Amino acid sequence: IWVSGHLARCGFTLWDTQYPNPHLVSMG
């Protein structure tokens, strides 16, 4: 959650997680 907002404030447009998994899906 901290990283999500921070990336947006700092100008990032892509957040790569390599492989999907159920935990990441639950977070959007």
mmCIF file of all heavy atoms, coordinates in Angstrom:
data_MODEL
# 
_entry.id   MODEL 
# 
loop_
_atom_site.group_PDB 
_atom_site.id 
_atom_site.type_symbol 
_atom_site.label_atom_id 
_atom_site.label_alt_id 
_atom_site.label_comp_id 
_atom_site.label_asym_id 
_atom_site.label_entity_id 
_atom_site.label_seq_id 
_atom_site.pdbx_PDB_ins_code 
_atom_site.Cartn_x 
_atom_site.Cartn_y 
_atom_site.Cartn_z 
_atom_site.occupancy 
_atom_site.B_iso_or_equiv 
_atom_site.pdbx_formal_charge 
_atom_site.auth_seq_id 
_atom_site.auth_comp_id 
_atom_site.auth_asym_id 
_atom_site.auth_atom_id 
_atom_site.pdbx_PDB_model_num 
ATOM 1   N N   . ILE A 1 1  ? 0.839  -1.203  0.000   1.00 0.00 ? 1  ILE A N   1 
ATOM 2   C CA  . ILE A 1 1  ? 0.000  0.000   0.000   1.00 0.00 ? 1  ILE A CA  1 
ATOM 3   C C   . ILE A 1 1  ? 0.873  1.251   0.000   1.00 0.00 ? 1  ILE A C   1 
ATOM 4   O O   . ILE A 1 1  ? 0.606  2.218   -0.722  1.00 0.00 ? 1  ILE A O   1 
ATOM 5   C CB  . ILE A 1 1  ? -0.955 -0.028  1.208   1.00 0.00 ? 1  ILE A CB  1 
ATOM 6   C CG1 . ILE A 1 1  ? -1.898 -1.225  1.102   1.00 0.00 ? 1  ILE A CG1 1 
ATOM 7   C CG2 . ILE A 1 1  ? -1.753 1.272   1.305   1.00 0.00 ? 1  ILE A CG2 1 
ATOM 8   C CD1 . ILE A 1 1  ? -2.664 -1.535  2.378   1.00 0.00 ? 1  ILE A CD1 1 
ATOM 9   N N   . TRP A 1 2  ? 1.929  1.247   0.794   1.00 0.00 ? 2  TRP A N   1 
ATOM 10  C CA  . TRP A 1 2  ? 2.857  2.381   0.786   1.00 0.00 ? 2  TRP A CA  1 
ATOM 11  C C   . TRP A 1 2  ? 3.470  2.557   -0.599  1.00 0.00 ? 2  TRP A C   1 
ATOM 12  O O   . TRP A 1 2  ? 3.557  3.670   -1.118  1.00 0.00 ? 2  TRP A O   1 
ATOM 13  C CB  . TRP A 1 2  ? 3.952  2.183   1.827   1.00 0.00 ? 2  TRP A CB  1 
ATOM 14  C CG  . TRP A 1 2  ? 3.787  3.001   3.064   1.00 0.00 ? 2  TRP A CG  1 
ATOM 15  C CD1 . TRP A 1 2  ? 3.743  4.367   3.142   1.00 0.00 ? 2  TRP A CD1 1 
ATOM 16  C CD2 . TRP A 1 2  ? 3.649  2.519   4.415   1.00 0.00 ? 2  TRP A CD2 1 
ATOM 17  N NE1 . TRP A 1 2  ? 3.593  4.774   4.456   1.00 0.00 ? 2  TRP A NE1 1 
ATOM 18  C CE2 . TRP A 1 2  ? 3.531  3.648   5.261   1.00 0.00 ? 2  TRP A CE2 1 
ATOM 19  C CE3 . TRP A 1 2  ? 3.633  1.249   4.989   1.00 0.00 ? 2  TRP A CE3 1 
ATOM 20  C CZ2 . TRP A 1 2  ? 3.400  3.555   6.641   1.00 0.00 ? 2  TRP A CZ2 1 
ATOM 21  C CZ3 . TRP A 1 2  ? 3.492  1.150   6.369   1.00 0.00 ? 2  TRP A CZ3 1 
ATOM 22  C CH2 . TRP A 1 2  ? 3.375  2.284   7.180   1.00 0.00 ? 2  TRP A CH2 1 
ATOM 23  N N   . VAL A 1 3  ? 3.910  1.446   -1.195  1.00 0.00 ? 3  VAL A N   1 
ATOM 24  C CA  . VAL A 1 3  ? 4.556  1.532   -2.507  1.00 0.00 ? 3  VAL A CA  1 
ATOM 25  C C   . VAL A 1 3  ? 3.573  2.026   -3.562  1.00 0.00 ? 3  VAL A C   1 
ATOM 26  O O   . VAL A 1 3  ? 3.937  2.841   -4.430  1.00 0.00 ? 3  VAL A O   1 
ATOM 27  C CB  . VAL A 1 3  ? 5.142  0.158   -2.903  1.00 0.00 ? 3  VAL A CB  1 
ATOM 28  C CG1 . VAL A 1 3  ? 5.568  0.148   -4.361  1.00 0.00 ? 3  VAL A CG1 1 
ATOM 29  C CG2 . VAL A 1 3  ? 6.333  -0.188  -2.006  1.00 0.00 ? 3  VAL A CG2 1 
ATOM 30  N N   . SER A 1 4  ? 2.335  1.589   -3.503  1.00 0.00 ? 4  SER A N   1 
ATOM 31  C CA  . SER A 1 4  ? 1.340  1.976   -4.501  1.00 0.00 ? 4  SER A CA  1 
ATOM 32  C C   . SER A 1 4  ? 1.199  3.490   -4.617  1.00 0.00 ? 4  SER A C   1 
ATOM 33  O O   . SER A 1 4  ? 1.326  4.067   -5.700  1.00 0.00 ? 4  SER A O   1 
ATOM 34  C CB  . SER A 1 4  ? -0.011 1.343   -4.159  1.00 0.00 ? 4  SER A CB  1 
ATOM 35  O OG  . SER A 1 4  ? -1.007 1.749   -5.075  1.00 0.00 ? 4  SER A OG  1 
ATOM 36  N N   . GLY A 1 5  ? 0.942  4.132   -3.492  1.00 0.00 ? 5  GLY A N   1 
ATOM 37  C CA  . GLY A 1 5  ? 0.796  5.588   -3.509  1.00 0.00 ? 5  GLY A CA  1 
ATOM 38  C C   . GLY A 1 5  ? 2.090  6.294   -3.854  1.00 0.00 ? 5  GLY A C   1 
ATOM 39  O O   . GLY A 1 5  ? 2.087  7.321   -4.548  1.00 0.00 ? 5  GLY A O   1 
ATOM 40  N N   . HIS A 1 6  ? 3.193  5.739   -3.390  1.00 0.00 ? 6  HIS A N   1 
ATOM 41  C CA  . HIS A 1 6  ? 4.493  6.360   -3.632  1.00 0.00 ? 6  HIS A CA  1 
ATOM 42  C C   . HIS A 1 6  ? 4.829  6.354   -5.126  1.00 0.00 ? 6  HIS A C   1 
ATOM 43  O O   . HIS A 1 6  ? 5.305  7.361   -5.668  1.00 0.00 ? 6  HIS A O   1 
ATOM 44  C CB  . HIS A 1 6  ? 5.572  5.621   -2.851  1.00 0.00 ? 6  HIS A CB  1 
ATOM 45  C CG  . HIS A 1 6  ? 6.920  6.251   -2.940  1.00 0.00 ? 6  HIS A CG  1 
ATOM 46  N ND1 . HIS A 1 6  ? 7.216  7.482   -2.397  1.00 0.00 ? 6  HIS A ND1 1 
ATOM 47  C CD2 . HIS A 1 6  ? 8.069  5.834   -3.556  1.00 0.00 ? 6  HIS A CD2 1 
ATOM 48  C CE1 . HIS A 1 6  ? 8.475  7.793   -2.648  1.00 0.00 ? 6  HIS A CE1 1 
ATOM 49  N NE2 . HIS A 1 6  ? 9.008  6.808   -3.350  1.00 0.00 ? 6  HIS A NE2 1 
ATOM 50  N N   . LEU A 1 7  ? 4.584  5.248   -5.796  1.00 0.00 ? 7  LEU A N   1 
ATOM 51  C CA  . LEU A 1 7  ? 4.856  5.182   -7.224  1.00 0.00 ? 7  LEU A CA  1 
ATOM 52  C C   . LEU A 1 7  ? 4.044  6.222   -7.993  1.00 0.00 ? 7  LEU A C   1 
ATOM 53  O O   . LEU A 1 7  ? 4.542  6.851   -8.930  1.00 0.00 ? 7  LEU A O   1 
ATOM 54  C CB  . LEU A 1 7  ? 4.552  3.776   -7.756  1.00 0.00 ? 7  LEU A CB  1 
ATOM 55  C CG  . LEU A 1 7  ? 5.448  2.636   -7.266  1.00 0.00 ? 7  LEU A CG  1 
ATOM 56  C CD1 . LEU A 1 7  ? 4.966  1.305   -7.836  1.00 0.00 ? 7  LEU A CD1 1 
ATOM 57  C CD2 . LEU A 1 7  ? 6.907  2.874   -7.641  1.00 0.00 ? 7  LEU A CD2 1 
ATOM 58  N N   . ALA A 1 8  ? 2.787  6.387   -7.597  1.00 0.00 ? 8  ALA A N   1 
ATOM 59  C CA  . ALA A 1 8  ? 1.944  7.370   -8.274  1.00 0.00 ? 8  ALA A CA  1 
ATOM 60  C C   . ALA A 1 8  ? 2.474  8.783   -8.068  1.00 0.00 ? 8  ALA A C   1 
ATOM 61  O O   . ALA A 1 8  ? 2.530  9.586   -9.012  1.00 0.00 ? 8  ALA A O   1 
ATOM 62  C CB  . ALA A 1 8  ? 0.503  7.254   -7.762  1.00 0.00 ? 8  ALA A CB  1 
ATOM 63  N N   . ARG A 1 9  ? 2.869  9.097   -6.844  1.00 0.00 ? 9  ARG A N   1 
ATOM 64  C CA  . ARG A 1 9  ? 3.387  10.445  -6.570  1.00 0.00 ? 9  ARG A CA  1 
ATOM 65  C C   . ARG A 1 9  ? 4.692  10.713  -7.318  1.00 0.00 ? 9  ARG A C   1 
ATOM 66  O O   . ARG A 1 9  ? 4.984  11.860  -7.661  1.00 0.00 ? 9  ARG A O   1 
ATOM 67  C CB  . ARG A 1 9  ? 3.615  10.614  -5.063  1.00 0.00 ? 9  ARG A CB  1 
ATOM 68  C CG  . ARG A 1 9  ? 2.350  10.790  -4.251  1.00 0.00 ? 9  ARG A CG  1 
ATOM 69  C CD  . ARG A 1 9  ? 2.675  11.169  -2.812  1.00 0.00 ? 9  ARG A CD  1 
ATOM 70  N NE  . ARG A 1 9  ? 3.371  10.084  -2.118  1.00 0.00 ? 9  ARG A NE  1 
ATOM 71  C CZ  . ARG A 1 9  ? 2.756  9.096   -1.462  1.00 0.00 ? 9  ARG A CZ  1 
ATOM 72  N NH1 . ARG A 1 9  ? 1.437  9.044   -1.449  1.00 0.00 ? 9  ARG A NH1 1 
ATOM 73  N NH2 . ARG A 1 9  ? 3.454  8.166   -0.836  1.00 0.00 ? 9  ARG A NH2 1 
ATOM 74  N N   . CYS A 1 10 ? 5.481  9.679   -7.553  1.00 0.00 ? 10 CYS A N   1 
ATOM 75  C CA  . CYS A 1 10 ? 6.813  9.851   -8.131  1.00 0.00 ? 10 CYS A CA  1 
ATOM 76  C C   . CYS A 1 10 ? 6.849  9.704   -9.653  1.00 0.00 ? 10 CYS A C   1 
ATOM 77  O O   . CYS A 1 10 ? 7.931  9.758   -10.255 1.00 0.00 ? 10 CYS A O   1 
ATOM 78  C CB  . CYS A 1 10 ? 7.782  8.849   -7.502  1.00 0.00 ? 10 CYS A CB  1 
ATOM 79  S SG  . CYS A 1 10 ? 8.080  9.150   -5.736  1.00 0.00 ? 10 CYS A SG  1 
ATOM 80  N N   . GLY A 1 11 ? 5.691  9.504   -10.281 1.00 0.00 ? 11 GLY A N   1 
ATOM 81  C CA  . GLY A 1 11 ? 5.636  9.519   -11.731 1.00 0.00 ? 11 GLY A CA  1 
ATOM 82  C C   . GLY A 1 11 ? 5.713  8.174   -12.422 1.00 0.00 ? 11 GLY A C   1 
ATOM 83  O O   . GLY A 1 11 ? 5.841  8.118   -13.649 1.00 0.00 ? 11 GLY A O   1 
ATOM 84  N N   . PHE A 1 12 ? 5.620  7.071   -11.683 1.00 0.00 ? 12 PHE A N   1 
ATOM 85  C CA  . PHE A 1 12 ? 5.695  5.750   -12.299 1.00 0.00 ? 12 PHE A CA  1 
ATOM 86  C C   . PHE A 1 12 ? 4.355  5.374   -12.931 1.00 0.00 ? 12 PHE A C   1 
ATOM 87  O O   . PHE A 1 12 ? 3.292  5.779   -12.449 1.00 0.00 ? 12 PHE A O   1 
ATOM 88  C CB  . PHE A 1 12 ? 6.103  4.702   -11.266 1.00 0.00 ? 12 PHE A CB  1 
ATOM 89  C CG  . PHE A 1 12 ? 7.540  4.809   -10.845 1.00 0.00 ? 12 PHE A CG  1 
ATOM 90  C CD1 . PHE A 1 12 ? 7.922  5.707   -9.851  1.00 0.00 ? 12 PHE A CD1 1 
ATOM 91  C CD2 . PHE A 1 12 ? 8.523  4.051   -11.453 1.00 0.00 ? 12 PHE A CD2 1 
ATOM 92  C CE1 . PHE A 1 12 ? 9.245  5.833   -9.466  1.00 0.00 ? 12 PHE A CE1 1 
ATOM 93  C CE2 . PHE A 1 12 ? 9.850  4.157   -11.084 1.00 0.00 ? 12 PHE A CE2 1 
ATOM 94  C CZ  . PHE A 1 12 ? 10.216 5.058   -10.079 1.00 0.00 ? 12 PHE A CZ  1 
ATOM 95  N N   . THR A 1 13 ? 4.415  4.615   -14.012 1.00 0.00 ? 13 THR A N   1 
ATOM 96  C CA  . THR A 1 13 ? 3.201  4.217   -14.726 1.00 0.00 ? 13 THR A CA  1 
ATOM 97  C C   . THR A 1 13 ? 3.055  2.697   -14.853 1.00 0.00 ? 13 THR A C   1 
ATOM 98  O O   . THR A 1 13 ? 1.993  2.224   -15.245 1.00 0.00 ? 13 THR A O   1 
ATOM 99  C CB  . THR A 1 13 ? 3.169  4.832   -16.137 1.00 0.00 ? 13 THR A CB  1 
ATOM 100 O OG1 . THR A 1 13 ? 4.326  4.417   -16.866 1.00 0.00 ? 13 THR A OG1 1 
ATOM 101 C CG2 . THR A 1 13 ? 3.137  6.355   -16.060 1.00 0.00 ? 13 THR A CG2 1 
ATOM 102 N N   . LEU A 1 14 ? 4.103  1.943   -14.553 1.00 0.00 ? 14 LEU A N   1 
ATOM 103 C CA  . LEU A 1 14 ? 4.034  0.478   -14.643 1.00 0.00 ? 14 LEU A CA  1 
ATOM 104 C C   . LEU A 1 14 ? 4.603  -0.136  -13.380 1.00 0.00 ? 14 LEU A C   1 
ATOM 105 O O   . LEU A 1 14 ? 5.713  0.198   -12.962 1.00 0.00 ? 14 LEU A O   1 
ATOM 106 C CB  . LEU A 1 14 ? 4.819  -0.026  -15.862 1.00 0.00 ? 14 LEU A CB  1 
ATOM 107 C CG  . LEU A 1 14 ? 4.886  -1.560  -16.026 1.00 0.00 ? 14 LEU A CG  1 
ATOM 108 C CD1 . LEU A 1 14 ? 3.496  -2.137  -16.307 1.00 0.00 ? 14 LEU A CD1 1 
ATOM 109 C CD2 . LEU A 1 14 ? 5.855  -1.936  -17.143 1.00 0.00 ? 14 LEU A CD2 1 
ATOM 110 N N   . TRP A 1 15 ? 3.832  -1.058  -12.787 1.00 0.00 ? 15 TRP A N   1 
ATOM 111 C CA  . TRP A 1 15 ? 4.256  -1.789  -11.599 1.00 0.00 ? 15 TRP A CA  1 
ATOM 112 C C   . TRP A 1 15 ? 4.218  -3.273  -11.952 1.00 0.00 ? 15 TRP A C   1 
ATOM 113 O O   . TRP A 1 15 ? 3.171  -3.903  -11.968 1.00 0.00 ? 15 TRP A O   1 
ATOM 114 C CB  . TRP A 1 15 ? 3.314  -1.474  -10.438 1.00 0.00 ? 15 TRP A CB  1 
ATOM 115 C CG  . TRP A 1 15 ? 3.687  -2.068  -9.122  1.00 0.00 ? 15 TRP A CG  1 
ATOM 116 C CD1 . TRP A 1 15 ? 4.702  -2.936  -8.834  1.00 0.00 ? 15 TRP A CD1 1 
ATOM 117 C CD2 . TRP A 1 15 ? 3.027  -1.823  -7.873  1.00 0.00 ? 15 TRP A CD2 1 
ATOM 118 N NE1 . TRP A 1 15 ? 4.712  -3.246  -7.504  1.00 0.00 ? 15 TRP A NE1 1 
ATOM 119 C CE2 . TRP A 1 15 ? 3.706  -2.579  -6.888  1.00 0.00 ? 15 TRP A CE2 1 
ATOM 120 C CE3 . TRP A 1 15 ? 1.939  -1.044  -7.496  1.00 0.00 ? 15 TRP A CE3 1 
ATOM 121 C CZ2 . TRP A 1 15 ? 3.307  -2.578  -5.562  1.00 0.00 ? 15 TRP A CZ2 1 
ATOM 122 C CZ3 . TRP A 1 15 ? 1.543  -1.037  -6.175  1.00 0.00 ? 15 TRP A CZ3 1 
ATOM 123 C CH2 . TRP A 1 15 ? 2.228  -1.787  -5.209  1.00 0.00 ? 15 TRP A CH2 1 
ATOM 124 N N   . ASP A 1 16 ? 5.376  -3.815  -12.263 1.00 0.00 ? 16 ASP A N   1 
ATOM 125 C CA  . ASP A 1 16 ? 5.504  -5.203  -12.698 1.00 0.00 ? 16 ASP A CA  1 
ATOM 126 C C   . ASP A 1 16 ? 5.675  -6.116  -11.494 1.00 0.00 ? 16 ASP A C   1 
ATOM 127 O O   . ASP A 1 16 ? 6.491  -5.848  -10.612 1.00 0.00 ? 16 ASP A O   1 
ATOM 128 C CB  . ASP A 1 16 ? 6.725  -5.307  -13.630 1.00 0.00 ? 16 ASP A CB  1 
ATOM 129 C CG  . ASP A 1 16 ? 7.083  -6.740  -13.972 1.00 0.00 ? 16 ASP A CG  1 
ATOM 130 O OD1 . ASP A 1 16 ? 6.154  -7.537  -14.176 1.00 0.00 ? 16 ASP A OD1 1 
ATOM 131 O OD2 . ASP A 1 16 ? 8.286  -7.058  -14.024 1.00 0.00 ? 16 ASP A OD2 1 
ATOM 132 N N   . THR A 1 17 ? 4.910  -7.207  -11.467 1.00 0.00 ? 17 THR A N   1 
ATOM 133 C CA  . THR A 1 17 ? 5.049  -8.198  -10.397 1.00 0.00 ? 17 THR A CA  1 
ATOM 134 C C   . THR A 1 17 ? 5.505  -9.546  -10.943 1.00 0.00 ? 17 THR A C   1 
ATOM 135 O O   . THR A 1 17 ? 5.440  -10.548 -10.240 1.00 0.00 ? 17 THR A O   1 
ATOM 136 C CB  . THR A 1 17 ? 3.734  -8.377  -9.618  1.00 0.00 ? 17 THR A CB  1 
ATOM 137 O OG1 . THR A 1 17 ? 2.733  -8.912  -10.501 1.00 0.00 ? 17 THR A OG1 1 
ATOM 138 C CG2 . THR A 1 17 ? 3.253  -7.054  -9.050  1.00 0.00 ? 17 THR A CG2 1 
ATOM 139 N N   . GLN A 1 18 ? 5.939  -9.575  -12.201 1.00 0.00 ? 18 GLN A N   1 
ATOM 140 C CA  . GLN A 1 18 ? 6.438  -10.789 -12.862 1.00 0.00 ? 18 GLN A CA  1 
ATOM 141 C C   . GLN A 1 18 ? 5.327  -11.815 -13.036 1.00 0.00 ? 18 GLN A C   1 
ATOM 142 O O   . GLN A 1 18 ? 4.726  -11.905 -14.086 1.00 0.00 ? 18 GLN A O   1 
ATOM 143 C CB  . GLN A 1 18 ? 7.657  -11.347 -12.132 1.00 0.00 ? 18 GLN A CB  1 
ATOM 144 C CG  . GLN A 1 18 ? 8.830  -10.367 -12.107 1.00 0.00 ? 18 GLN A CG  1 
ATOM 145 C CD  . GLN A 1 18 ? 10.022 -10.864 -11.334 1.00 0.00 ? 18 GLN A CD  1 
ATOM 146 O OE1 . GLN A 1 18 ? 9.942  -11.822 -10.570 1.00 0.00 ? 18 GLN A OE1 1 
ATOM 147 N NE2 . GLN A 1 18 ? 11.158 -10.211 -11.499 1.00 0.00 ? 18 GLN A NE2 1 
ATOM 148 N N   . TYR A 1 19 ? 5.051  -12.588 -12.000 1.00 0.00 ? 19 TYR A N   1 
ATOM 149 C CA  . TYR A 1 19 ? 4.011  -13.613 -12.091 1.00 0.00 ? 19 TYR A CA  1 
ATOM 150 C C   . TYR A 1 19 ? 2.787  -13.197 -11.274 1.00 0.00 ? 19 TYR A C   1 
ATOM 151 O O   . TYR A 1 19 ? 2.924  -12.655 -10.172 1.00 0.00 ? 19 TYR A O   1 
ATOM 152 C CB  . TYR A 1 19 ? 4.520  -14.954 -11.569 1.00 0.00 ? 19 TYR A CB  1 
ATOM 153 C CG  . TYR A 1 19 ? 5.596  -15.571 -12.434 1.00 0.00 ? 19 TYR A CG  1 
ATOM 154 C CD1 . TYR A 1 19 ? 6.939  -15.469 -12.084 1.00 0.00 ? 19 TYR A CD1 1 
ATOM 155 C CD2 . TYR A 1 19 ? 5.265  -16.251 -13.594 1.00 0.00 ? 19 TYR A CD2 1 
ATOM 156 C CE1 . TYR A 1 19 ? 7.930  -16.045 -12.865 1.00 0.00 ? 19 TYR A CE1 1 
ATOM 157 C CE2 . TYR A 1 19 ? 6.249  -16.835 -14.393 1.00 0.00 ? 19 TYR A CE2 1 
ATOM 158 C CZ  . TYR A 1 19 ? 7.582  -16.716 -14.019 1.00 0.00 ? 19 TYR A CZ  1 
ATOM 159 O OH  . TYR A 1 19 ? 8.552  -17.277 -14.807 1.00 0.00 ? 19 TYR A OH  1 
ATOM 160 N N   . PRO A 1 20 ? 1.577  -13.457 -11.783 1.00 0.00 ? 20 PRO A N   1 
ATOM 161 C CA  . PRO A 1 20 ? 0.379  -13.207 -10.975 1.00 0.00 ? 20 PRO A CA  1 
ATOM 162 C C   . PRO A 1 20 ? 0.217  -14.280 -9.909  1.00 0.00 ? 20 PRO A C   1 
ATOM 163 O O   . PRO A 1 20 ? 0.719  -15.397 -10.055 1.00 0.00 ? 20 PRO A O   1 
ATOM 164 C CB  . PRO A 1 20 ? -0.753 -13.281 -12.012 1.00 0.00 ? 20 PRO A CB  1 
ATOM 165 C CG  . PRO A 1 20 ? -0.226 -14.188 -13.083 1.00 0.00 ? 20 PRO A CG  1 
ATOM 166 C CD  . PRO A 1 20 ? 1.267  -13.965 -13.125 1.00 0.00 ? 20 PRO A CD  1 
ATOM 167 N N   . ASN A 1 21 ? -0.452 -13.938 -8.818  1.00 0.00 ? 21 ASN A N   1 
ATOM 168 C CA  . ASN A 1 21 ? -0.811 -14.937 -7.817  1.00 0.00 ? 21 ASN A CA  1 
ATOM 169 C C   . ASN A 1 21 ? -2.065 -14.472 -7.089  1.00 0.00 ? 21 ASN A C   1 
ATOM 170 O O   . ASN A 1 21 ? -2.441 -13.296 -7.188  1.00 0.00 ? 21 ASN A O   1 
ATOM 171 C CB  . ASN A 1 21 ? 0.348  -15.216 -6.840  1.00 0.00 ? 21 ASN A CB  1 
ATOM 172 C CG  . ASN A 1 21 ? 0.735  -14.017 -6.007  1.00 0.00 ? 21 ASN A CG  1 
ATOM 173 O OD1 . ASN A 1 21 ? -0.120 -13.371 -5.387  1.00 0.00 ? 21 ASN A OD1 1 
ATOM 174 N ND2 . ASN A 1 21 ? 2.021  -13.694 -5.970  1.00 0.00 ? 21 ASN A ND2 1 
ATOM 175 N N   . PRO A 1 22 ? -2.757 -15.356 -6.378  1.00 0.00 ? 22 PRO A N   1 
ATOM 176 C CA  . PRO A 1 22 ? -4.028 -14.981 -5.751  1.00 0.00 ? 22 PRO A CA  1 
ATOM 177 C C   . PRO A 1 22 ? -3.923 -13.807 -4.787  1.00 0.00 ? 22 PRO A C   1 
ATOM 178 O O   . PRO A 1 22 ? -4.843 -12.984 -4.701  1.00 0.00 ? 22 PRO A O   1 
ATOM 179 C CB  . PRO A 1 22 ? -4.447 -16.271 -5.027  1.00 0.00 ? 22 PRO A CB  1 
ATOM 180 C CG  . PRO A 1 22 ? -3.796 -17.367 -5.818  1.00 0.00 ? 22 PRO A CG  1 
ATOM 181 C CD  . PRO A 1 22 ? -2.482 -16.797 -6.259  1.00 0.00 ? 22 PRO A CD  1 
ATOM 182 N N   . HIS A 1 23 ? -2.813 -13.714 -4.027  1.00 0.00 ? 23 HIS A N   1 
ATOM 183 C CA  . HIS A 1 23 ? -2.662 -12.605 -3.090  1.00 0.00 ? 23 HIS A CA  1 
ATOM 184 C C   . HIS A 1 23 ? -2.620 -11.278 -3.830  1.00 0.00 ? 23 HIS A C   1 
ATOM 185 O O   . HIS A 1 23 ? -3.279 -10.309 -3.438  1.00 0.00 ? 23 HIS A O   1 
ATOM 186 C CB  . HIS A 1 23 ? -1.393 -12.778 -2.261  1.00 0.00 ? 23 HIS A CB  1 
ATOM 187 C CG  . HIS A 1 23 ? -1.080 -11.603 -1.383  1.00 0.00 ? 23 HIS A CG  1 
ATOM 188 N ND1 . HIS A 1 23 ? -1.925 -11.180 -0.373  1.00 0.00 ? 23 HIS A ND1 1 
ATOM 189 C CD2 . HIS A 1 23 ? -0.024 -10.737 -1.364  1.00 0.00 ? 23 HIS A CD2 1 
ATOM 190 C CE1 . HIS A 1 23 ? -1.406 -10.125 0.230   1.00 0.00 ? 23 HIS A CE1 1 
ATOM 191 N NE2 . HIS A 1 23 ? -0.265 -9.837  -0.357  1.00 0.00 ? 23 HIS A NE2 1 
ATOM 192 N N   . LEU A 1 24 ? -1.867 -11.216 -4.922  1.00 0.00 ? 24 LEU A N   1 
ATOM 193 C CA  . LEU A 1 24 ? -1.785 -9.979  -5.690  1.00 0.00 ? 24 LEU A CA  1 
ATOM 194 C C   . LEU A 1 24 ? -3.128 -9.650  -6.343  1.00 0.00 ? 24 LEU A C   1 
ATOM 195 O O   . LEU A 1 24 ? -3.523 -8.479  -6.416  1.00 0.00 ? 24 LEU A O   1 
ATOM 196 C CB  . LEU A 1 24 ? -0.689 -10.092 -6.755  1.00 0.00 ? 24 LEU A CB  1 
ATOM 197 C CG  . LEU A 1 24 ? 0.737  -10.243 -6.223  1.00 0.00 ? 24 LEU A CG  1 
ATOM 198 C CD1 . LEU A 1 24 ? 1.716  -10.434 -7.376  1.00 0.00 ? 24 LEU A CD1 1 
ATOM 199 C CD2 . LEU A 1 24 ? 1.139  -9.041  -5.375  1.00 0.00 ? 24 LEU A CD2 1 
ATOM 200 N N   . VAL A 1 25 ? -3.835 -10.671 -6.800  1.00 0.00 ? 25 VAL A N   1 
ATOM 201 C CA  . VAL A 1 25 ? -5.162 -10.447 -7.374  1.00 0.00 ? 25 VAL A CA  1 
ATOM 202 C C   . VAL A 1 25 ? -6.091 -9.827  -6.337  1.00 0.00 ? 25 VAL A C   1 
ATOM 203 O O   . VAL A 1 25 ? -6.873 -8.917  -6.639  1.00 0.00 ? 25 VAL A O   1 
ATOM 204 C CB  . VAL A 1 25 ? -5.746 -11.767 -7.922  1.00 0.00 ? 25 VAL A CB  1 
ATOM 205 C CG1 . VAL A 1 25 ? -7.222 -11.601 -8.294  1.00 0.00 ? 25 VAL A CG1 1 
ATOM 206 C CG2 . VAL A 1 25 ? -4.953 -12.231 -9.137  1.00 0.00 ? 25 VAL A CG2 1 
ATOM 207 N N   . SER A 1 26 ? -6.003 -10.278 -5.090  1.00 0.00 ? 26 SER A N   1 
ATOM 208 C CA  . SER A 1 26 ? -6.849 -9.730  -4.028  1.00 0.00 ? 26 SER A CA  1 
ATOM 209 C C   . SER A 1 26 ? -6.551 -8.267  -3.747  1.00 0.00 ? 26 SER A C   1 
ATOM 210 O O   . SER A 1 26 ? -7.390 -7.545  -3.195  1.00 0.00 ? 26 SER A O   1 
ATOM 211 C CB  . SER A 1 26 ? -6.680 -10.553 -2.748  1.00 0.00 ? 26 SER A CB  1 
ATOM 212 O OG  . SER A 1 26 ? -5.427 -10.294 -2.118  1.00 0.00 ? 26 SER A OG  1 
ATOM 213 N N   . MET A 1 27 ? -5.361 -7.820  -4.151  1.00 0.00 ? 27 MET A N   1 
ATOM 214 C CA  . MET A 1 27 ? -4.971 -6.422  -3.959  1.00 0.00 ? 27 MET A CA  1 
ATOM 215 C C   . MET A 1 27 ? -5.177 -5.595  -5.235  1.00 0.00 ? 27 MET A C   1 
ATOM 216 O O   . MET A 1 27 ? -4.739 -4.458  -5.315  1.00 0.00 ? 27 MET A O   1 
ATOM 217 C CB  . MET A 1 27 ? -3.505 -6.347  -3.542  1.00 0.00 ? 27 MET A CB  1 
ATOM 218 C CG  . MET A 1 27 ? -3.185 -7.015  -2.218  1.00 0.00 ? 27 MET A CG  1 
ATOM 219 S SD  . MET A 1 27 ? -3.825 -6.115  -0.781  1.00 0.00 ? 27 MET A SD  1 
ATOM 220 C CE  . MET A 1 27 ? -2.733 -4.689  -0.746  1.00 0.00 ? 27 MET A CE  1 
ATOM 221 N N   . GLY A 1 28 ? -5.823 -6.175  -6.214  1.00 0.00 ? 28 GLY A N   1 
ATOM 222 C CA  . GLY A 1 28 ? -6.082 -5.461  -7.462  1.00 0.00 ? 28 GLY A CA  1 
ATOM 223 C C   . GLY A 1 28 ? -5.170 -5.849  -8.601  1.00 0.00 ? 28 GLY A C   1 
ATOM 224 O O   . GLY A 1 28 ? -5.188 -5.200  -9.660  1.00 0.00 ? 28 GLY A O   1 
# 
